[in-house]
Amino acid sequence: MQAKKFKKEVMIIVPIKEGENIERALKRFKRKFEKTGIMREVRARQAFNKPSVIKREQKMKAIYIQQLQQEEE
């Protein structure tokens, strides 16, 4: 039986300054939450992907990024 690898739990803390608009603080929270990548991981875990499919997608992404960089130069 394999041990599951779990990421360390991270609590997002957004300090709110006195008199700060709540919408502005909420926007900062959303940005921090997006950077953690939690939602991407949850969506990825909803369905099993074969390792060969994952490698193929990573390879295609790398090719795409390389082509974009070559076009910039």
Protein backbone atom coordinates (compact mmCIF):
# COMPACT_ATOMS: atom_id res chain seq x y z
CA MET A 1 0.00 0.00 0.00
CA GLN A 2 1.47 3.33 -1.04
CA ALA A 3 1.57 6.27 1.31
CA LYS A 4 -0.37 9.21 -0.06
CA LYS A 5 1.53 12.44 -0.49
CA PHE A 6 -0.33 15.39 0.94
CA LYS A 7 0.75 18.97 0.72
CA LYS A 8 1.20 20.85 3.92
CA GLU A 9 -2.01 22.61 4.85
CA VAL A 10 -1.77 26.33 4.30
CA MET A 11 -3.99 28.86 5.99
CA ILE A 12 -4.49 32.03 4.02
CA ILE A 13 -4.24 35.11 6.20
CA VAL A 14 -5.26 38.50 4.84
CA PRO A 15 -4.58 41.31 7.28
CA ILE A 16 -7.21 44.04 7.00
CA LYS A 17 -6.14 47.58 7.70
CA GLU A 18 -8.32 49.90 9.70
CA GLY A 19 -10.87 51.56 7.45
CA GLU A 20 -10.05 49.31 4.49
CA ASN A 21 -12.84 48.42 2.11
CA ILE A 22 -14.00 44.80 2.51
CA GLU A 23 -14.20 44.31 -1.27
CA ARG A 24 -10.52 45.22 -1.57
CA ALA A 25 -9.58 42.72 1.16
CA LEU A 26 -11.72 40.05 -0.51
CA LYS A 27 -9.95 40.68 -3.80
CA ARG A 28 -6.56 40.20 -2.08
CA PHE A 29 -7.84 36.96 -0.55
CA LYS A 30 -8.99 35.67 -3.93
CA ARG A 31 -5.60 36.45 -5.48
CA LYS A 32 -3.75 34.62 -2.70
CA PHE A 33 -6.14 31.67 -2.96
CA GLU A 34 -5.59 31.49 -6.71
CA LYS A 35 -1.79 31.43 -6.25
CA THR A 36 -1.98 28.42 -3.93
CA GLY A 37 -3.36 26.28 -6.78
CA ILE A 38 -5.83 24.45 -4.55
CA MET A 39 -8.68 24.57 -7.06
CA ARG A 40 -6.46 23.29 -9.87
CA GLU A 41 -5.45 20.35 -7.71
CA VAL A 42 -9.05 19.59 -6.72
CA ARG A 43 -10.16 19.59 -10.36
CA ALA A 44 -7.23 17.39 -11.35
CA ARG A 45 -8.13 14.85 -8.66
CA GLN A 46 -11.76 14.54 -9.76
CA ALA A 47 -10.81 12.01 -12.41
CA PHE A 48 -7.88 9.62 -12.73
CA ASN A 49 -5.42 10.33 -15.52
CA LYS A 50 -3.05 7.66 -16.70
CA PRO A 51 0.64 8.54 -16.23
CA SER A 52 1.19 8.27 -20.00
CA VAL A 53 -1.57 10.84 -20.61
CA ILE A 54 -0.09 13.21 -18.01
CA LYS A 55 3.38 12.92 -19.62
CA ARG A 56 1.92 13.54 -23.07
CA GLU A 57 0.10 16.68 -21.85
CA GLN A 58 3.25 17.98 -20.16
CA LYS A 59 5.24 17.36 -23.34
CA MET A 60 2.67 19.17 -25.49
CA LYS A 61 2.63 22.10 -23.06
CA ALA A 62 6.44 22.31 -23.15
CA ILE A 63 6.42 22.29 -26.95
CA TYR A 64 3.79 25.04 -27.00
CA ILE A 65 5.76 27.23 -24.58
CA GLN A 66 8.96 26.68 -26.54
CA GLN A 67 7.24 27.74 -29.75
CA LEU A 68 5.94 30.92 -28.09
CA GLN A 69 9.44 31.76 -26.86
CA GLN A 70 10.92 31.20 -30.32
CA GLU A 71 8.32 33.50 -31.86
CA GLU A 72 9.27 36.27 -29.38
CA GLU A 73 12.92 36.15 -30.44
